Amino acid sequence: MIRSVNHVTVPDGWIVLDTLSTMTAGSSVGPALGLLAAAVAIIALGLTVDRRPLALILAFLVLPIGLLFLVSHALRPAWHLQNFVVILPILTLILAAALVTLYRTFRGRRLRMTLVLAAAALVLVMAERGRELAAAPKPNVFQTLAGALRAQAEPGDTILATDNFAFWSLARYAAGPR
């Protein structure tokens, strides 16, 4: 029998919010939730002026998140932040399109300048937060988890502890057939 350890989960509302704020600002604490709220407000305000990006939002943001939410609840846990990496470029483009739409819509110089400064602040804070997260050490606990599994192993069990650079599908092939 093959036993494995992974860190996918069945999401609830807080986990979904944590994932969205982590994708937006790299964290789920205070300022990141504010940045998520700002991004959602900018996109929503942009949609009131131009509804063309709505199909992109539904197809590339709502649908993947909704499907993975349903799969996690109906079949098996599958919710993990890495599954949403493909959403980030679309999220960035939709946010940029909303900002451009709002900039073109508002006529006042002061209002336009406020919008540009708010967008620049949002980008700078997101970039700084990403730099901080990239610099933070990430401990590898796979050997610890493998040790815990070895302690509970029964005769014939296979325990595979891959390094964190290994892609999951390659690790699955290395484990072999069941």
N, C-alpha and C. Protein backbone atom coordinates (compact mmCIF):
# COMPACT_ATOMS: atom_id res chain seq x y z
N MET A 1 0.85 -1.19 0.00
CA MET A 1 0.00 0.00 0.00
C MET A 1 0.89 1.24 0.00
N ILE A 2 0.46 2.25 -0.73
CA ILE A 2 1.21 3.51 -0.77
C ILE A 2 0.46 4.53 0.06
N ARG A 3 1.15 5.10 1.02
CA ARG A 3 0.59 6.20 1.80
C ARG A 3 1.33 7.46 1.40
N SER A 4 0.61 8.54 1.35
CA SER A 4 1.28 9.78 0.96
C SER A 4 0.87 10.89 1.90
N VAL A 5 1.67 11.92 1.91
CA VAL A 5 1.39 13.11 2.70
C VAL A 5 1.37 14.28 1.73
N ASN A 6 0.31 15.04 1.77
CA ASN A 6 0.28 16.25 0.94
C ASN A 6 -0.41 17.35 1.72
N HIS A 7 -0.47 18.48 1.15
CA HIS A 7 -1.04 19.62 1.87
C HIS A 7 -2.15 20.27 1.07
N VAL A 8 -2.98 19.46 0.44
CA VAL A 8 -4.21 19.97 -0.15
C VAL A 8 -5.28 19.89 0.91
N THR A 9 -6.35 20.63 0.71
CA THR A 9 -7.38 20.68 1.74
C THR A 9 -8.75 20.81 1.12
N VAL A 10 -9.76 20.67 1.95
CA VAL A 10 -11.14 20.95 1.57
C VAL A 10 -11.42 22.38 2.06
N PRO A 11 -11.68 23.30 1.14
CA PRO A 11 -11.77 24.70 1.54
C PRO A 11 -13.10 25.06 2.17
N ASP A 12 -13.03 26.01 3.08
CA ASP A 12 -14.24 26.67 3.57
C ASP A 12 -14.13 28.14 3.14
N GLY A 13 -15.01 28.97 3.60
CA GLY A 13 -15.01 30.37 3.20
C GLY A 13 -13.72 31.10 3.54
N TRP A 14 -13.17 30.81 4.72
CA TRP A 14 -11.94 31.49 5.14
C TRP A 14 -10.74 31.05 4.31
N ILE A 15 -10.70 29.78 3.93
CA ILE A 15 -9.59 29.29 3.10
C ILE A 15 -9.67 29.91 1.71
N VAL A 16 -10.88 30.04 1.17
CA VAL A 16 -11.03 30.70 -0.13
C VAL A 16 -10.57 32.15 -0.04
N LEU A 17 -10.99 32.85 1.02
CA LEU A 17 -10.57 34.24 1.21
C LEU A 17 -9.06 34.34 1.38
N ASP A 18 -8.48 33.41 2.12
CA ASP A 18 -7.03 33.38 2.30
C ASP A 18 -6.32 33.17 0.96
N THR A 19 -6.83 32.26 0.14
CA THR A 19 -6.23 32.01 -1.17
C THR A 19 -6.30 33.25 -2.05
N LEU A 20 -7.46 33.89 -2.09
CA LEU A 20 -7.62 35.08 -2.93
C LEU A 20 -6.73 36.22 -2.46
N SER A 21 -6.63 36.43 -1.15
CA SER A 21 -5.78 37.52 -0.66
C SER A 21 -4.31 37.19 -0.86
N THR A 22 -3.94 35.91 -0.77
CA THR A 22 -2.56 35.52 -1.02
C THR A 22 -2.21 35.73 -2.49
N MET A 23 -3.15 35.42 -3.40
CA MET A 23 -2.89 35.65 -4.82
C MET A 23 -2.80 37.14 -5.11
N THR A 24 -3.57 37.95 -4.43
CA THR A 24 -3.58 39.39 -4.69
C THR A 24 -2.38 40.07 -4.08
N ALA A 25 -2.06 39.74 -2.83
CA ALA A 25 -1.02 40.50 -2.12
C ALA A 25 0.02 39.62 -1.44
N GLY A 26 -0.02 38.33 -1.63
CA GLY A 26 1.01 37.48 -1.08
C GLY A 26 0.85 37.14 0.38
N SER A 27 -0.28 37.47 0.97
CA SER A 27 -0.48 37.19 2.39
C SER A 27 -1.97 37.22 2.67
N SER A 28 -2.35 36.75 3.85
CA SER A 28 -3.77 36.78 4.22
C SER A 28 -3.99 37.62 5.46
N VAL A 29 -3.03 38.41 5.84
CA VAL A 29 -3.17 39.24 7.03
C VAL A 29 -3.58 40.65 6.65
N GLY A 30 -4.06 41.40 7.63
CA GLY A 30 -4.56 42.75 7.51
C GLY A 30 -4.40 43.50 6.21
N PRO A 31 -3.18 44.00 5.89
CA PRO A 31 -3.02 44.80 4.67
C PRO A 31 -3.37 44.03 3.40
N ALA A 32 -3.11 42.74 3.37
CA ALA A 32 -3.42 41.95 2.18
C ALA A 32 -4.92 41.88 1.96
N LEU A 33 -5.68 41.75 3.03
CA LEU A 33 -7.14 41.74 2.88
C LEU A 33 -7.62 43.09 2.36
N GLY A 34 -6.97 44.17 2.78
CA GLY A 34 -7.29 45.50 2.27
C GLY A 34 -6.97 45.61 0.79
N LEU A 35 -5.83 45.04 0.37
CA LEU A 35 -5.48 45.06 -1.05
C LEU A 35 -6.45 44.21 -1.87
N LEU A 36 -6.86 43.08 -1.32
CA LEU A 36 -7.86 42.26 -2.01
C LEU A 36 -9.15 43.04 -2.17
N ALA A 37 -9.58 43.71 -1.10
CA ALA A 37 -10.81 44.51 -1.17
C ALA A 37 -10.65 45.64 -2.20
N ALA A 38 -9.48 46.27 -2.24
CA ALA A 38 -9.24 47.34 -3.21
C ALA A 38 -9.28 46.79 -4.64
N ALA A 39 -8.66 45.65 -4.86
CA ALA A 39 -8.66 45.05 -6.20
C ALA A 39 -10.07 44.68 -6.63
N VAL A 40 -10.84 44.08 -5.73
CA VAL A 40 -12.22 43.71 -6.06
C VAL A 40 -13.05 44.97 -6.33
N ALA A 41 -12.85 46.02 -5.54
CA ALA A 41 -13.60 47.27 -5.74
C ALA A 41 -13.25 47.90 -7.08
N ILE A 42 -11.97 47.90 -7.44
CA ILE A 42 -11.56 48.48 -8.73
C ILE A 42 -12.16 47.69 -9.89
N ILE A 43 -12.12 46.35 -9.79
CA ILE A 43 -12.68 45.53 -10.86
C ILE A 43 -14.19 45.73 -10.94
N ALA A 44 -14.86 45.75 -9.80
CA ALA A 44 -16.32 45.94 -9.79
C ALA A 44 -16.70 47.31 -10.35
N LEU A 45 -15.97 48.35 -9.97
CA LEU A 45 -16.24 49.69 -10.48
C LEU A 45 -15.97 49.75 -11.98
N GLY A 46 -14.91 49.08 -12.43
CA GLY A 46 -14.62 49.02 -13.86
C GLY A 46 -15.72 48.29 -14.63
N LEU A 47 -16.32 47.26 -14.02
CA LEU A 47 -17.39 46.51 -14.68
C LEU A 47 -18.67 47.34 -14.80
N THR A 48 -18.85 48.31 -13.92
CA THR A 48 -20.04 49.16 -14.05
C THR A 48 -19.95 50.03 -15.30
N VAL A 49 -18.74 50.31 -15.76
CA VAL A 49 -18.54 51.14 -16.95
C VAL A 49 -18.45 50.27 -18.21
N ASP A 50 -17.70 49.18 -18.15
CA ASP A 50 -17.47 48.32 -19.31
C ASP A 50 -17.62 46.87 -18.88
N ARG A 51 -18.65 46.20 -19.40
CA ARG A 51 -18.94 44.83 -18.97
C ARG A 51 -18.22 43.77 -19.82
N ARG A 52 -17.42 44.17 -20.78
CA ARG A 52 -16.74 43.19 -21.65
C ARG A 52 -15.82 42.23 -20.88
N PRO A 53 -15.10 42.67 -19.85
CA PRO A 53 -14.24 41.71 -19.12
C PRO A 53 -15.00 40.69 -18.27
N LEU A 54 -16.33 40.83 -18.18
CA LEU A 54 -17.11 39.91 -17.34
C LEU A 54 -16.95 38.46 -17.79
N ALA A 55 -16.92 38.21 -19.09
CA ALA A 55 -16.75 36.83 -19.58
C ALA A 55 -15.39 36.28 -19.17
N LEU A 56 -14.35 37.10 -19.22
CA LEU A 56 -13.02 36.65 -18.76
C LEU A 56 -13.04 36.34 -17.28
N ILE A 57 -13.69 37.18 -16.52
CA ILE A 57 -13.76 36.98 -15.06
C ILE A 57 -14.45 35.66 -14.75
N LEU A 58 -15.57 35.42 -15.43
CA LEU A 58 -16.30 34.18 -15.18
C LEU A 58 -15.50 32.96 -15.64
N ALA A 59 -14.90 33.04 -16.83
CA ALA A 59 -14.21 31.88 -17.39
C ALA A 59 -12.88 31.58 -16.71
N PHE A 60 -12.13 32.61 -16.33
CA PHE A 60 -10.77 32.39 -15.85
C PHE A 60 -10.56 32.64 -14.36
N LEU A 61 -11.54 33.20 -13.69
CA LEU A 61 -11.42 33.40 -12.24
C LEU A 61 -12.48 32.61 -11.48
N VAL A 62 -13.74 32.85 -11.80
CA VAL A 62 -14.83 32.23 -11.05
C VAL A 62 -14.92 30.72 -11.33
N LEU A 63 -14.85 30.34 -12.60
CA LEU A 63 -14.99 28.92 -12.94
C LEU A 63 -13.89 28.04 -12.35
N PRO A 64 -12.59 28.39 -12.50
CA PRO A 64 -11.57 27.51 -11.90
C PRO A 64 -11.67 27.42 -10.38
N ILE A 65 -11.95 28.54 -9.75
CA ILE A 65 -12.07 28.53 -8.29
C ILE A 65 -13.28 27.71 -7.88
N GLY A 66 -14.40 27.91 -8.57
CA GLY A 66 -15.61 27.15 -8.27
C GLY A 66 -15.46 25.65 -8.51
N LEU A 67 -14.83 25.29 -9.64
CA LEU A 67 -14.64 23.87 -9.94
C LEU A 67 -13.74 23.18 -8.91
N LEU A 68 -12.65 23.83 -8.55
CA LEU A 68 -11.76 23.22 -7.56
C LEU A 68 -12.43 23.14 -6.19
N PHE A 69 -13.26 24.12 -5.88
CA PHE A 69 -14.04 24.08 -4.64
C PHE A 69 -14.97 22.87 -4.65
N LEU A 70 -15.68 22.67 -5.77
CA LEU A 70 -16.60 21.53 -5.86
C LEU A 70 -15.87 20.19 -5.85
N VAL A 71 -14.77 20.10 -6.60
CA VAL A 71 -13.98 18.85 -6.61
C VAL A 71 -13.48 18.53 -5.21
N SER A 72 -13.03 19.55 -4.49
CA SER A 72 -12.51 19.34 -3.14
C SER A 72 -13.58 18.82 -2.19
N HIS A 73 -14.82 19.24 -2.40
CA HIS A 73 -15.90 18.79 -1.52
C HIS A 73 -16.54 17.48 -2.00
N ALA A 74 -16.61 17.28 -3.32
CA ALA A 74 -17.33 16.12 -3.83
C ALA A 74 -16.45 14.89 -4.01
N LEU A 75 -15.21 15.06 -4.48
CA LEU A 75 -14.37 13.90 -4.78
C LEU A 75 -13.28 13.68 -3.74
N ARG A 76 -12.33 14.60 -3.71
CA ARG A 76 -11.22 14.49 -2.76
C ARG A 76 -10.61 15.87 -2.57
N PRO A 77 -9.92 16.09 -1.47
CA PRO A 77 -9.29 17.40 -1.27
C PRO A 77 -8.32 17.73 -2.40
N ALA A 78 -8.45 18.92 -2.97
CA ALA A 78 -7.59 19.32 -4.07
C ALA A 78 -7.19 20.79 -3.99
N TRP A 79 -7.65 21.49 -2.96
CA TRP A 79 -7.43 22.93 -2.86
C TRP A 79 -6.01 23.22 -2.42
N HIS A 80 -5.27 23.89 -3.27
CA HIS A 80 -3.91 24.33 -2.93
C HIS A 80 -3.61 25.57 -3.75
N LEU A 81 -2.88 26.48 -3.17
CA LEU A 81 -2.58 27.75 -3.82
C LEU A 81 -1.89 27.55 -5.18
N GLN A 82 -1.02 26.55 -5.30
CA GLN A 82 -0.31 26.33 -6.55
C GLN A 82 -1.23 26.01 -7.71
N ASN A 83 -2.42 25.51 -7.42
CA ASN A 83 -3.37 25.22 -8.49
C ASN A 83 -3.92 26.48 -9.13
N PHE A 84 -3.72 27.63 -8.50
CA PHE A 84 -4.28 28.88 -9.00
C PHE A 84 -3.23 29.80 -9.63
N VAL A 85 -2.02 29.31 -9.79
CA VAL A 85 -0.97 30.15 -10.37
C VAL A 85 -1.35 30.60 -11.78
N VAL A 86 -2.05 29.76 -12.53
CA VAL A 86 -2.45 30.12 -13.89
C VAL A 86 -3.44 31.27 -13.93
N ILE A 87 -4.09 31.56 -12.82
CA ILE A 87 -5.06 32.64 -12.76
C ILE A 87 -4.39 34.01 -12.65
N LEU A 88 -3.19 34.06 -12.11
CA LEU A 88 -2.56 35.34 -11.81
C LEU A 88 -2.40 36.26 -13.02
N PRO A 89 -1.95 35.79 -14.19
CA PRO A 89 -1.87 36.72 -15.32
C PRO A 89 -3.23 37.29 -15.73
N ILE A 90 -4.26 36.46 -15.72
CA ILE A 90 -5.60 36.93 -16.07
C ILE A 90 -6.08 37.94 -15.04
N LEU A 91 -5.86 37.65 -13.76
CA LEU A 91 -6.25 38.57 -12.70
C LEU A 91 -5.56 39.92 -12.89
N THR A 92 -4.28 39.89 -13.22
CA THR A 92 -3.53 41.12 -13.44
C THR A 92 -4.07 41.89 -14.65
N LEU A 93 -4.36 41.19 -15.73
CA LEU A 93 -4.90 41.85 -16.92
C LEU A 93 -6.29 42.44 -16.67
N ILE A 94 -7.12 41.73 -15.94
CA ILE A 94 -8.46 42.24 -15.63
C ILE A 94 -8.37 43.48 -14.75
N LEU A 95 -7.48 43.44 -13.77
CA LEU A 95 -7.28 44.60 -12.90
C LEU A 95 -6.75 45.79 -13.71
N ALA A 96 -5.81 45.54 -14.61
CA ALA A 96 -5.28 46.61 -15.45
C ALA A 96 -6.35 47.17 -16.37
N ALA A 97 -7.17 46.30 -16.96
CA ALA A 97 -8.25 46.76 -17.84
C ALA A 97 -9.25 47.61 -17.07
N ALA A 98 -9.55 47.22 -15.84
CA ALA A 98 -10.46 48.01 -15.02
C ALA A 98 -9.87 49.39 -14.71
N LEU A 99 -8.58 49.43 -14.40
CA LEU A 99 -7.93 50.71 -14.13
C LEU A 99 -7.93 51.62 -15.36
N VAL A 100 -7.63 51.06 -16.52
CA VAL A 100 -7.64 51.85 -17.76
C VAL A 100 -9.05 52.35 -18.06
N THR A 101 -10.05 51.51 -17.88
CA THR A 101 -11.43 51.91 -18.11
C THR A 101 -11.82 53.05 -17.18
N LEU A 102 -11.47 52.92 -15.92
CA LEU A 102 -11.81 53.98 -14.97
C LEU A 102 -11.06 55.27 -15.30
N TYR A 103 -9.82 55.16 -15.70
CA TYR A 103 -9.04 56.34 -16.04
C TYR A 103 -9.67 57.07 -17.23
N ARG A 104 -10.11 56.32 -18.22
CA ARG A 104 -10.73 56.94 -19.40
C ARG A 104 -12.11 57.51 -19.09
N THR A 105 -12.78 56.95 -18.09
CA THR A 105 -14.14 57.38 -17.77
C THR A 105 -14.15 58.68 -16.98
N PHE A 106 -13.28 58.78 -16.00
CA PHE A 106 -13.29 59.97 -15.14
C PHE A 106 -12.66 61.14 -15.87
N ARG A 107 -13.31 62.29 -15.78
CA ARG A 107 -12.87 63.46 -16.51
C ARG A 107 -11.99 64.40 -15.69
N GLY A 108 -12.21 64.45 -14.40
CA GLY A 108 -11.48 65.41 -13.58
C GLY A 108 -10.02 65.04 -13.42
N ARG A 109 -9.15 66.04 -13.52
CA ARG A 109 -7.71 65.81 -13.39
C ARG A 109 -7.37 65.28 -12.00
N ARG A 110 -7.98 65.82 -10.97
CA ARG A 110 -7.69 65.39 -9.60
C ARG A 110 -8.13 63.94 -9.38
N LEU A 111 -9.28 63.59 -9.90
CA LEU A 111 -9.78 62.22 -9.75
C LEU A 111 -8.90 61.22 -10.51
N ARG A 112 -8.47 61.60 -11.70
CA ARG A 112 -7.57 60.74 -12.47
C ARG A 112 -6.24 60.54 -11.75
N MET A 113 -5.71 61.63 -11.20
CA MET A 113 -4.43 61.54 -10.49
C MET A 113 -4.57 60.66 -9.25
N THR A 114 -5.70 60.75 -8.55
CA THR A 114 -5.95 59.90 -7.39
C THR A 114 -5.99 58.44 -7.80
N LEU A 115 -6.64 58.16 -8.91
CA LEU A 115 -6.74 56.79 -9.40
C LEU A 115 -5.36 56.26 -9.78
N VAL A 116 -4.56 57.06 -10.47
CA VAL A 116 -3.22 56.63 -10.86
C VAL A 116 -2.35 56.39 -9.63
N LEU A 117 -2.42 57.28 -8.64
CA LEU A 117 -1.62 57.11 -7.42
C LEU A 117 -2.07 55.88 -6.63
N ALA A 118 -3.38 55.65 -6.56
CA ALA A 118 -3.89 54.47 -5.86
C ALA A 118 -3.42 53.19 -6.56
N ALA A 119 -3.47 53.18 -7.90
CA ALA A 119 -3.01 52.01 -8.64
C ALA A 119 -1.51 51.78 -8.44
N ALA A 120 -0.76 52.87 -8.48
CA ALA A 120 0.70 52.75 -8.28
C ALA A 120 1.00 52.24 -6.87
N ALA A 121 0.28 52.73 -5.88
CA ALA A 121 0.48 52.27 -4.50
C ALA A 121 0.14 50.79 -4.38
N LEU A 122 -0.95 50.38 -5.02
CA LEU A 122 -1.35 48.97 -4.99
C LEU A 122 -0.26 48.08 -5.59
N VAL A 123 0.26 48.49 -6.74
CA VAL A 123 1.31 47.71 -7.40
C VAL A 123 2.58 47.67 -6.55
N LEU A 124 2.97 48.81 -5.99
CA LEU A 124 4.19 48.85 -5.18
C LEU A 124 4.07 48.00 -3.92
N VAL A 125 2.93 48.07 -3.26
CA VAL A 125 2.73 47.27 -2.05
C VAL A 125 2.72 45.78 -2.38
N MET A 126 2.07 45.42 -3.49
CA MET A 126 2.04 44.01 -3.90
C MET A 126 3.45 43.52 -4.26
N ALA A 127 4.21 44.35 -4.95
CA ALA A 127 5.57 43.96 -5.32
C ALA A 127 6.46 43.82 -4.08
N GLU A 128 6.34 44.73 -3.14
CA GLU A 128 7.14 44.65 -1.91
C GLU A 128 6.77 43.42 -1.10
N ARG A 129 5.50 43.14 -1.02
CA ARG A 129 5.05 41.96 -0.27
C ARG A 129 5.56 40.68 -0.94
N GLY A 130 5.54 40.65 -2.26
CA GLY A 130 6.09 39.50 -2.98
C GLY A 130 7.57 39.32 -2.73
N ARG A 131 8.32 40.43 -2.68
CA ARG A 131 9.75 40.36 -2.41
C ARG A 131 10.00 39.82 -1.01
N GLU A 132 9.21 40.28 -0.03
CA GLU A 132 9.36 39.79 1.34
C GLU A 132 9.09 38.30 1.43
N LEU A 133 8.05 37.85 0.77
CA LEU A 133 7.71 36.42 0.82
C LEU A 133 8.77 35.57 0.12
N ALA A 134 9.32 36.08 -0.97
CA ALA A 134 10.35 35.33 -1.69
C ALA A 134 11.62 35.20 -0.85
N ALA A 135 11.89 36.19 -0.01
CA ALA A 135 13.10 36.16 0.81
C ALA A 135 12.94 35.31 2.07
N ALA A 136 11.71 35.04 2.47
CA ALA A 136 11.47 34.28 3.70
C ALA A 136 11.85 32.81 3.48
N PRO A 137 12.57 32.21 4.45
CA PRO A 137 12.94 30.80 4.30
C PRO A 137 11.71 29.90 4.42
N LYS A 138 11.69 28.86 3.62
CA LYS A 138 10.58 27.91 3.64
C LYS A 138 11.13 26.56 4.08
N PRO A 139 10.79 26.13 5.28
CA PRO A 139 11.34 24.87 5.77
C PRO A 139 10.76 23.67 5.01
N ASN A 140 11.57 22.66 4.84
CA ASN A 140 11.16 21.43 4.19
C ASN A 140 10.87 20.41 5.29
N VAL A 141 9.63 20.01 5.41
CA VAL A 141 9.24 19.08 6.47
C VAL A 141 8.94 17.68 5.92
N PHE A 142 9.30 17.43 4.66
CA PHE A 142 8.99 16.13 4.10
C PHE A 142 9.70 15.00 4.82
N GLN A 143 10.95 15.20 5.23
CA GLN A 143 11.66 14.14 5.94
C GLN A 143 11.01 13.86 7.30
N THR A 144 10.54 14.91 7.97
CA THR A 144 9.85 14.73 9.25
C THR A 144 8.57 13.94 9.06
N LEU A 145 7.82 14.30 8.00
CA LEU A 145 6.58 13.58 7.72
C LEU A 145 6.86 12.13 7.33
N ALA A 146 7.91 11.92 6.56
CA ALA A 146 8.27 10.54 6.19
C ALA A 146 8.65 9.74 7.43
N GLY A 147 9.35 10.38 8.38
CA GLY A 147 9.70 9.70 9.62
C GLY A 147 8.46 9.30 10.41
N ALA A 148 7.47 10.18 10.44
CA ALA A 148 6.21 9.87 11.14
C ALA A 148 5.49 8.71 10.45
N LEU A 149 5.53 8.70 9.11
CA LEU A 149 4.91 7.59 8.39
C LEU A 149 5.67 6.28 8.61
N ARG A 150 7.01 6.36 8.65
CA ARG A 150 7.81 5.15 8.88
C ARG A 150 7.49 4.54 10.25
N ALA A 151 7.23 5.40 11.22
CA ALA A 151 6.91 4.91 12.56
C ALA A 151 5.60 4.13 12.57
N GLN A 152 4.68 4.48 11.66
CA GLN A 152 3.38 3.82 11.60
C GLN A 152 3.30 2.79 10.48
N ALA A 153 4.41 2.57 9.78
CA ALA A 153 4.40 1.69 8.60
C ALA A 153 4.13 0.25 8.99
N GLU A 154 3.44 -0.39 8.08
CA GLU A 154 3.18 -1.82 8.21
C GLU A 154 4.05 -2.53 7.19
N PRO A 155 4.29 -3.82 7.36
CA PRO A 155 5.11 -4.55 6.38
C PRO A 155 4.53 -4.41 4.97
N GLY A 156 5.39 -4.06 4.02
CA GLY A 156 4.97 -3.89 2.63
C GLY A 156 4.62 -2.46 2.25
N ASP A 157 4.55 -1.56 3.22
CA ASP A 157 4.25 -0.16 2.92
C ASP A 157 5.44 0.50 2.25
N THR A 158 5.17 1.38 1.31
CA THR A 158 6.21 2.16 0.64
C THR A 158 6.07 3.61 1.06
N ILE A 159 7.16 4.19 1.50
CA ILE A 159 7.13 5.60 1.90
C ILE A 159 8.07 6.36 0.98
N LEU A 160 7.52 7.32 0.28
CA LEU A 160 8.28 8.11 -0.67
C LEU A 160 8.31 9.54 -0.18
N ALA A 161 9.49 10.07 0.08
CA ALA A 161 9.65 11.46 0.50
C ALA A 161 10.48 12.17 -0.55
N THR A 162 9.81 12.91 -1.41
CA THR A 162 10.52 13.59 -2.50
C THR A 162 11.06 14.93 -2.02
N ASP A 163 12.07 15.42 -2.72
CA ASP A 163 12.55 16.77 -2.44
C ASP A 163 11.52 17.77 -2.96
N ASN A 164 11.59 18.98 -2.42
CA ASN A 164 10.57 19.95 -2.79
C ASN A 164 10.74 20.49 -4.20
N PHE A 165 11.80 20.15 -4.91
CA PHE A 165 11.93 20.61 -6.29
C PHE A 165 11.28 19.64 -7.27
N ALA A 166 10.90 18.46 -6.80
CA ALA A 166 10.32 17.46 -7.68
C ALA A 166 8.87 17.81 -8.00
N PHE A 167 8.52 17.72 -9.25
CA PHE A 167 7.15 17.97 -9.68
C PHE A 167 6.28 16.79 -9.24
N TRP A 168 5.06 17.08 -8.82
CA TRP A 168 4.22 16.04 -8.21
C TRP A 168 3.96 14.87 -9.14
N SER A 169 3.79 15.12 -10.42
CA SER A 169 3.49 13.99 -11.31
C SER A 169 4.71 13.09 -11.48
N LEU A 170 5.89 13.67 -11.48
CA LEU A 170 7.10 12.85 -11.55
C LEU A 170 7.24 12.02 -10.28
N ALA A 171 6.89 12.62 -9.16
CA ALA A 171 6.94 11.88 -7.90
C ALA A 171 5.95 10.72 -7.93
N ARG A 172 4.81 10.92 -8.56
CA ARG A 172 3.81 9.86 -8.66
C ARG A 172 4.34 8.71 -9.51
N TYR A 173 5.00 9.05 -10.63
CA TYR A 173 5.59 8.01 -11.47
C TYR A 173 6.67 7.25 -10.72
N ALA A 174 7.43 7.95 -9.91
CA ALA A 174 8.50 7.31 -9.14
C ALA A 174 7.90 6.34 -8.13
N ALA A 175 6.71 6.62 -7.64
CA ALA A 175 6.09 5.74 -6.66
C ALA A 175 5.66 4.42 -7.29
N GLY A 176 5.37 4.45 -8.60
CA GLY A 176 5.01 3.22 -9.31
C GLY A 176 3.53 2.90 -9.18
N PRO A 177 3.12 1.79 -9.77
CA PRO A 177 1.71 1.41 -9.75
C PRO A 177 1.29 0.97 -8.34
N ARG A 178 0.01 1.03 -8.11
CA ARG A 178 -0.50 0.65 -6.78
C ARG A 178 -0.50 -0.83 -6.59
